[in-house]
């Protein structure tokens, strides 16, 4: 189901509202995450991460992030399982709400499992940091 969610998220050639793009990932979390899973939004260092819990925290974190953009696309470049972690590297392509500037930003999604349940999901701007968090670098 996770691979299908990522495929659906990365499929649009045209920009879509971020809420529509995240729907498949949210459905995956609703089905497979523990109720109080951690959601970590990790901007570029040295900015500290924003940490929330559960689906409500996931929704709130992405709502805050989405305020800056009118539309959003993802291009998944690589995805793999590594022990208790799943990592996906992608390009985020977004148009700013103010100024209408298109930006492209490399990023990583890191999901930590305990058994078949998601206990943490992290969104990183620094791909190397995501690899370190997963013990892969």
N, C-alpha and C. Protein backbone atom coordinates (compact mmCIF):
# COMPACT_ATOMS: atom_id res chain seq x y z
N UNK A 1 0.82 -1.20 0.00
CA UNK A 1 0.00 0.00 0.00
C UNK A 1 0.87 1.26 0.00
N UNK A 2 2.03 1.22 0.66
CA UNK A 2 2.91 2.39 0.68
C UNK A 2 3.43 2.70 -0.72
N UNK A 3 3.86 1.67 -1.45
CA UNK A 3 4.35 1.90 -2.81
C UNK A 3 3.25 2.50 -3.69
N UNK A 4 2.02 2.03 -3.53
CA UNK A 4 0.90 2.58 -4.30
C UNK A 4 0.65 4.04 -3.93
N UNK A 5 0.75 4.37 -2.65
CA UNK A 5 0.55 5.75 -2.21
C UNK A 5 1.59 6.66 -2.82
N UNK A 6 2.86 6.23 -2.80
CA UNK A 6 3.92 7.06 -3.39
C UNK A 6 3.74 7.21 -4.90
N UNK A 7 3.36 6.13 -5.54
CA UNK A 7 3.13 6.19 -6.99
C UNK A 7 2.02 7.16 -7.32
N UNK A 8 0.95 7.13 -6.56
CA UNK A 8 -0.17 8.04 -6.78
C UNK A 8 0.25 9.48 -6.52
N UNK A 9 1.03 9.70 -5.45
CA UNK A 9 1.47 11.05 -5.12
C UNK A 9 2.38 11.61 -6.21
N UNK A 10 3.21 10.78 -6.80
CA UNK A 10 4.19 11.24 -7.77
C UNK A 10 3.63 11.27 -9.19
N UNK A 11 2.43 10.79 -9.39
CA UNK A 11 1.89 10.65 -10.73
C UNK A 11 1.55 11.95 -11.45
N UNK A 12 1.06 12.98 -10.76
CA UNK A 12 0.57 14.14 -11.51
C UNK A 12 1.67 14.85 -12.29
N UNK A 13 1.41 15.11 -13.56
CA UNK A 13 2.33 15.93 -14.36
C UNK A 13 2.02 17.40 -14.16
N UNK A 14 0.81 17.66 -13.77
CA UNK A 14 0.37 19.03 -13.53
C UNK A 14 0.33 19.29 -12.03
N UNK A 15 0.60 20.51 -11.61
CA UNK A 15 0.51 20.83 -10.19
C UNK A 15 -0.89 20.58 -9.66
N UNK A 16 -0.95 20.16 -8.40
CA UNK A 16 -2.23 19.94 -7.73
C UNK A 16 -2.15 20.55 -6.34
N UNK A 17 -3.28 20.82 -5.71
CA UNK A 17 -3.24 21.28 -4.32
C UNK A 17 -2.53 20.24 -3.45
N UNK A 18 -1.74 20.71 -2.52
CA UNK A 18 -0.97 19.82 -1.67
C UNK A 18 -1.86 18.84 -0.91
N UNK A 19 -3.05 19.27 -0.50
CA UNK A 19 -3.95 18.39 0.24
C UNK A 19 -4.35 17.18 -0.62
N UNK A 20 -4.55 17.40 -1.92
CA UNK A 20 -4.90 16.29 -2.81
C UNK A 20 -3.72 15.34 -2.99
N UNK A 21 -2.53 15.90 -3.05
CA UNK A 21 -1.33 15.10 -3.23
C UNK A 21 -1.06 14.20 -2.03
N UNK A 22 -1.34 14.70 -0.84
CA UNK A 22 -1.03 13.96 0.39
C UNK A 22 -2.10 12.94 0.77
N UNK A 23 -3.24 12.96 0.11
CA UNK A 23 -4.32 12.05 0.45
C UNK A 23 -3.92 10.58 0.53
N UNK A 24 -3.21 10.05 -0.48
CA UNK A 24 -2.83 8.64 -0.42
C UNK A 24 -1.90 8.30 0.76
N UNK A 25 -0.99 9.22 1.09
CA UNK A 25 -0.10 8.99 2.23
C UNK A 25 -0.90 9.02 3.53
N UNK A 26 -1.84 9.93 3.63
CA UNK A 26 -2.69 10.01 4.83
C UNK A 26 -3.50 8.73 5.00
N UNK A 27 -4.04 8.20 3.90
CA UNK A 27 -4.79 6.94 3.95
C UNK A 27 -3.90 5.79 4.42
N UNK A 28 -2.67 5.77 3.93
CA UNK A 28 -1.72 4.75 4.37
C UNK A 28 -1.48 4.85 5.87
N UNK A 29 -1.26 6.08 6.37
CA UNK A 29 -1.03 6.27 7.79
C UNK A 29 -2.25 5.88 8.62
N UNK A 30 -3.44 6.22 8.14
CA UNK A 30 -4.66 5.85 8.86
C UNK A 30 -4.77 4.34 9.01
N UNK A 31 -4.30 3.61 8.02
CA UNK A 31 -4.41 2.15 8.04
C UNK A 31 -3.27 1.48 8.81
N UNK A 32 -2.06 2.05 8.79
CA UNK A 32 -0.90 1.32 9.29
C UNK A 32 -0.12 1.99 10.42
N UNK A 33 -0.46 3.20 10.79
CA UNK A 33 0.29 3.87 11.85
C UNK A 33 -0.34 3.64 13.22
N UNK A 34 0.52 3.64 14.24
CA UNK A 34 0.00 3.64 15.60
C UNK A 34 -0.70 4.98 15.82
N UNK A 35 -1.69 5.05 16.70
CA UNK A 35 -2.46 6.29 16.84
C UNK A 35 -1.63 7.53 17.17
N UNK A 36 -0.57 7.37 17.93
CA UNK A 36 0.22 8.54 18.34
C UNK A 36 1.58 8.59 17.64
N UNK A 37 1.62 8.16 16.37
CA UNK A 37 2.89 8.21 15.64
C UNK A 37 3.42 9.64 15.61
N UNK A 38 4.74 9.75 15.54
CA UNK A 38 5.37 11.07 15.46
C UNK A 38 5.45 11.52 14.01
N UNK A 39 5.17 12.78 13.79
CA UNK A 39 5.33 13.40 12.48
C UNK A 39 6.35 14.52 12.67
N UNK A 40 7.46 14.42 11.97
CA UNK A 40 8.55 15.39 12.12
C UNK A 40 8.78 16.08 10.78
N UNK A 41 8.68 17.40 10.81
CA UNK A 41 8.99 18.23 9.65
C UNK A 41 10.35 18.85 9.93
N UNK A 42 11.38 18.39 9.21
CA UNK A 42 12.74 18.83 9.49
C UNK A 42 13.21 19.77 8.38
N UNK A 43 13.18 21.07 8.64
CA UNK A 43 13.69 22.01 7.65
C UNK A 43 15.21 21.96 7.61
N UNK A 44 15.80 22.82 6.83
CA UNK A 44 17.25 22.86 6.73
C UNK A 44 17.86 23.28 8.06
N UNK A 45 18.96 22.62 8.45
CA UNK A 45 19.64 23.03 9.68
C UNK A 45 20.09 24.48 9.56
N UNK A 46 20.11 25.22 10.63
CA UNK A 46 19.97 24.82 12.03
C UNK A 46 18.54 24.96 12.57
N UNK A 47 17.56 25.19 11.70
CA UNK A 47 16.18 25.35 12.15
C UNK A 47 15.71 24.06 12.83
N UNK A 48 15.16 24.17 14.03
CA UNK A 48 14.72 22.95 14.73
C UNK A 48 13.49 22.35 14.05
N UNK A 49 13.29 21.05 14.24
CA UNK A 49 12.14 20.39 13.62
C UNK A 49 10.83 20.76 14.30
N UNK A 50 9.76 20.63 13.54
CA UNK A 50 8.41 20.74 14.08
C UNK A 50 7.93 19.31 14.32
N UNK A 51 7.53 19.00 15.53
CA UNK A 51 7.13 17.65 15.90
C UNK A 51 5.67 17.66 16.33
N UNK A 52 4.90 16.74 15.77
CA UNK A 52 3.50 16.58 16.14
C UNK A 52 3.20 15.09 16.22
N UNK A 53 1.98 14.76 16.64
CA UNK A 53 1.63 13.34 16.77
C UNK A 53 0.29 13.04 16.11
N UNK A 54 0.19 11.80 15.62
CA UNK A 54 -1.06 11.29 15.07
C UNK A 54 -1.47 11.96 13.78
N UNK A 55 -2.62 11.51 13.27
CA UNK A 55 -3.13 12.06 12.02
C UNK A 55 -3.46 13.54 12.13
N UNK A 56 -3.94 13.97 13.29
CA UNK A 56 -4.22 15.38 13.48
C UNK A 56 -2.94 16.21 13.38
N UNK A 57 -1.85 15.72 13.94
CA UNK A 57 -0.57 16.40 13.85
C UNK A 57 -0.04 16.41 12.43
N UNK A 58 -0.20 15.29 11.72
CA UNK A 58 0.20 15.21 10.31
C UNK A 58 -0.55 16.26 9.50
N UNK A 59 -1.88 16.30 9.68
CA UNK A 59 -2.70 17.27 8.94
C UNK A 59 -2.29 18.71 9.26
N UNK A 60 -2.08 18.99 10.53
CA UNK A 60 -1.72 20.34 10.96
C UNK A 60 -0.35 20.75 10.40
N UNK A 61 0.60 19.84 10.46
CA UNK A 61 1.94 20.14 9.96
C UNK A 61 1.92 20.47 8.48
N UNK A 62 1.20 19.67 7.72
CA UNK A 62 1.16 19.90 6.28
C UNK A 62 0.30 21.10 5.93
N UNK A 63 -0.71 21.39 6.72
CA UNK A 63 -1.51 22.59 6.50
C UNK A 63 -0.65 23.83 6.68
N UNK A 64 0.17 23.85 7.73
CA UNK A 64 1.08 24.97 7.96
C UNK A 64 2.05 25.12 6.79
N UNK A 65 2.61 24.00 6.34
CA UNK A 65 3.57 24.02 5.22
C UNK A 65 2.90 24.53 3.95
N UNK A 66 1.68 24.08 3.69
CA UNK A 66 0.98 24.38 2.44
C UNK A 66 0.62 25.85 2.29
N UNK A 67 0.55 26.57 3.40
CA UNK A 67 0.17 27.98 3.33
C UNK A 67 1.08 28.79 2.41
N UNK A 68 2.32 28.35 2.25
CA UNK A 68 3.29 29.10 1.46
C UNK A 68 3.16 28.87 -0.05
N UNK A 69 2.36 27.87 -0.47
CA UNK A 69 2.35 27.45 -1.87
C UNK A 69 0.94 27.39 -2.45
N UNK A 70 0.85 27.64 -3.76
CA UNK A 70 -0.43 27.49 -4.44
C UNK A 70 -0.59 26.09 -5.01
N UNK A 71 0.51 25.47 -5.39
CA UNK A 71 0.45 24.11 -5.91
C UNK A 71 1.78 23.41 -5.67
N UNK A 72 1.77 22.12 -5.91
CA UNK A 72 2.87 21.28 -5.49
C UNK A 72 2.91 20.03 -6.35
N UNK A 73 4.12 19.57 -6.66
CA UNK A 73 4.32 18.28 -7.34
C UNK A 73 5.48 17.56 -6.68
N UNK A 74 5.49 16.26 -6.82
CA UNK A 74 6.60 15.44 -6.35
C UNK A 74 7.11 14.58 -7.49
N UNK A 75 8.41 14.43 -7.55
CA UNK A 75 9.02 13.46 -8.46
C UNK A 75 9.87 12.54 -7.61
N UNK A 76 9.38 11.33 -7.36
CA UNK A 76 10.12 10.36 -6.56
C UNK A 76 11.27 9.84 -7.41
N UNK A 77 12.47 9.97 -6.87
CA UNK A 77 13.68 9.55 -7.58
C UNK A 77 14.16 8.17 -7.16
N UNK A 78 13.94 7.85 -5.89
CA UNK A 78 14.41 6.57 -5.35
C UNK A 78 13.59 6.24 -4.11
N UNK A 79 13.27 4.98 -3.95
CA UNK A 79 12.57 4.53 -2.75
C UNK A 79 13.09 3.14 -2.40
N UNK A 80 13.32 2.94 -1.08
CA UNK A 80 13.83 1.63 -0.67
C UNK A 80 13.53 1.36 0.80
N UNK A 81 13.48 0.09 1.12
CA UNK A 81 13.33 -0.37 2.49
C UNK A 81 14.73 -0.64 3.02
N UNK A 82 14.99 -0.24 4.26
CA UNK A 82 16.29 -0.49 4.90
C UNK A 82 16.02 -0.84 6.36
N UNK A 83 15.92 -2.11 6.66
CA UNK A 83 15.63 -2.53 8.02
C UNK A 83 14.26 -2.05 8.45
N UNK A 84 14.20 -1.32 9.55
CA UNK A 84 12.93 -0.80 10.07
C UNK A 84 12.51 0.51 9.40
N UNK A 85 13.25 0.93 8.41
CA UNK A 85 12.99 2.22 7.77
C UNK A 85 12.63 2.05 6.30
N UNK A 86 11.81 2.96 5.85
CA UNK A 86 11.54 3.14 4.43
C UNK A 86 11.95 4.56 4.11
N UNK A 87 12.73 4.73 3.05
CA UNK A 87 13.18 6.07 2.67
C UNK A 87 12.88 6.31 1.20
N UNK A 88 12.39 7.49 0.91
CA UNK A 88 12.13 7.89 -0.47
C UNK A 88 12.75 9.27 -0.69
N UNK A 89 13.54 9.38 -1.72
CA UNK A 89 14.10 10.67 -2.12
C UNK A 89 13.26 11.22 -3.27
N UNK A 90 12.95 12.50 -3.18
CA UNK A 90 12.09 13.11 -4.19
C UNK A 90 12.51 14.55 -4.44
N UNK A 91 12.02 15.08 -5.53
CA UNK A 91 12.11 16.51 -5.79
C UNK A 91 10.74 17.10 -5.50
N UNK A 92 10.71 18.13 -4.70
CA UNK A 92 9.48 18.89 -4.47
C UNK A 92 9.50 20.06 -5.45
N UNK A 93 8.44 20.21 -6.19
CA UNK A 93 8.32 21.31 -7.14
C UNK A 93 7.06 22.07 -6.75
N UNK A 94 7.23 23.32 -6.38
CA UNK A 94 6.11 24.09 -5.84
C UNK A 94 6.12 25.51 -6.40
N UNK A 95 4.96 26.13 -6.37
CA UNK A 95 4.83 27.54 -6.76
C UNK A 95 4.44 28.32 -5.51
N UNK A 96 5.23 29.37 -5.22
CA UNK A 96 4.97 30.15 -4.02
C UNK A 96 3.67 30.94 -4.16
N UNK A 97 2.97 31.04 -3.04
CA UNK A 97 1.70 31.78 -3.01
C UNK A 97 1.95 33.27 -3.28
N UNK A 98 3.02 33.80 -2.74
CA UNK A 98 3.34 35.21 -2.93
C UNK A 98 4.49 35.31 -3.91
N UNK A 99 4.21 35.86 -5.07
CA UNK A 99 5.21 36.02 -6.10
C UNK A 99 5.11 35.00 -7.22
N UNK A 100 4.46 33.87 -6.97
CA UNK A 100 4.28 32.87 -8.01
C UNK A 100 5.56 32.26 -8.53
N UNK A 101 6.59 32.18 -7.69
CA UNK A 101 7.89 31.65 -8.10
C UNK A 101 7.89 30.14 -7.98
N UNK A 102 8.32 29.45 -9.04
CA UNK A 102 8.44 28.00 -8.97
C UNK A 102 9.79 27.66 -8.35
N UNK A 103 9.76 26.77 -7.36
CA UNK A 103 10.98 26.32 -6.71
C UNK A 103 11.06 24.80 -6.80
N UNK A 104 12.28 24.31 -6.82
CA UNK A 104 12.54 22.87 -6.83
C UNK A 104 13.48 22.58 -5.68
N UNK A 105 13.10 21.62 -4.83
CA UNK A 105 13.88 21.32 -3.64
C UNK A 105 14.03 19.80 -3.47
N UNK A 106 15.26 19.29 -3.43
CA UNK A 106 15.44 17.88 -3.08
C UNK A 106 14.96 17.64 -1.66
N UNK A 107 14.40 16.47 -1.41
CA UNK A 107 13.89 16.16 -0.08
C UNK A 107 13.86 14.64 0.12
N UNK A 108 13.60 14.26 1.35
CA UNK A 108 13.47 12.83 1.68
C UNK A 108 12.30 12.62 2.61
N UNK A 109 11.66 11.49 2.44
CA UNK A 109 10.62 10.99 3.33
C UNK A 109 11.22 9.78 4.03
N UNK A 110 11.12 9.75 5.35
CA UNK A 110 11.64 8.65 6.13
C UNK A 110 10.52 8.12 7.02
N UNK A 111 10.23 6.84 6.90
CA UNK A 111 9.17 6.22 7.71
C UNK A 111 9.81 5.12 8.54
N UNK A 112 9.57 5.16 9.85
CA UNK A 112 10.08 4.13 10.74
C UNK A 112 8.95 3.20 11.14
N UNK A 113 9.22 1.91 11.03
CA UNK A 113 8.25 0.87 11.38
C UNK A 113 8.70 0.14 12.64
N UNK A 114 7.74 -0.32 13.41
CA UNK A 114 7.94 -1.34 14.43
C UNK A 114 6.99 -2.45 14.04
N UNK A 115 7.57 -3.55 13.56
CA UNK A 115 6.75 -4.60 12.96
C UNK A 115 6.11 -4.06 11.70
N UNK A 116 4.79 -4.15 11.62
CA UNK A 116 4.10 -3.64 10.42
C UNK A 116 3.40 -2.30 10.69
N UNK A 117 3.74 -1.65 11.80
CA UNK A 117 3.09 -0.39 12.18
C UNK A 117 4.06 0.78 12.06
N UNK A 118 3.58 1.89 11.53
CA UNK A 118 4.37 3.11 11.44
C UNK A 118 4.39 3.78 12.81
N UNK A 119 5.60 4.08 13.29
CA UNK A 119 5.73 4.78 14.58
C UNK A 119 6.25 6.21 14.40
N UNK A 120 6.86 6.48 13.24
CA UNK A 120 7.38 7.83 12.99
C UNK A 120 7.45 8.06 11.48
N UNK A 121 7.11 9.28 11.10
CA UNK A 121 7.28 9.71 9.71
C UNK A 121 8.00 11.05 9.75
N UNK A 122 9.03 11.17 8.94
CA UNK A 122 9.85 12.38 8.93
C UNK A 122 9.96 12.90 7.50
N UNK A 123 9.93 14.21 7.39
CA UNK A 123 10.08 14.89 6.10
C UNK A 123 11.32 15.78 6.20
N UNK A 124 12.31 15.52 5.35
CA UNK A 124 13.61 16.19 5.44
C UNK A 124 13.92 16.97 4.17
N UNK A 125 14.49 18.15 4.36
CA UNK A 125 15.06 18.91 3.24
C UNK A 125 16.49 18.43 2.99
N UNK A 126 17.19 18.06 4.04
CA UNK A 126 18.57 17.58 3.94
C UNK A 126 18.54 16.05 3.82
N UNK A 127 18.78 15.57 2.61
CA UNK A 127 18.73 14.12 2.37
C UNK A 127 19.76 13.37 3.21
N UNK A 128 20.95 13.94 3.38
CA UNK A 128 21.98 13.27 4.18
C UNK A 128 21.52 13.09 5.63
N UNK A 129 20.81 14.08 6.16
CA UNK A 129 20.29 13.97 7.52
C UNK A 129 19.28 12.83 7.62
N UNK A 130 18.45 12.68 6.61
CA UNK A 130 17.47 11.57 6.61
C UNK A 130 18.20 10.23 6.62
N UNK A 131 19.27 10.10 5.84
CA UNK A 131 20.06 8.87 5.83
C UNK A 131 20.72 8.62 7.19
N UNK A 132 21.22 9.68 7.82
CA UNK A 132 21.82 9.53 9.15
C UNK A 132 20.78 9.06 10.17
N UNK A 133 19.58 9.66 10.10
CA UNK A 133 18.52 9.29 11.05
C UNK A 133 18.15 7.82 10.92
N UNK A 134 18.27 7.29 9.70
CA UNK A 134 17.94 5.88 9.47
C UNK A 134 19.14 4.96 9.70
N UNK A 135 20.29 5.55 10.07
CA UNK A 135 21.48 4.75 10.28
C UNK A 135 22.12 4.27 9.00
N UNK A 136 21.88 4.96 7.90
CA UNK A 136 22.38 4.54 6.60
C UNK A 136 23.58 5.37 6.12
N UNK A 137 24.00 6.33 6.93
CA UNK A 137 25.17 7.14 6.53
C UNK A 137 26.07 7.38 7.73
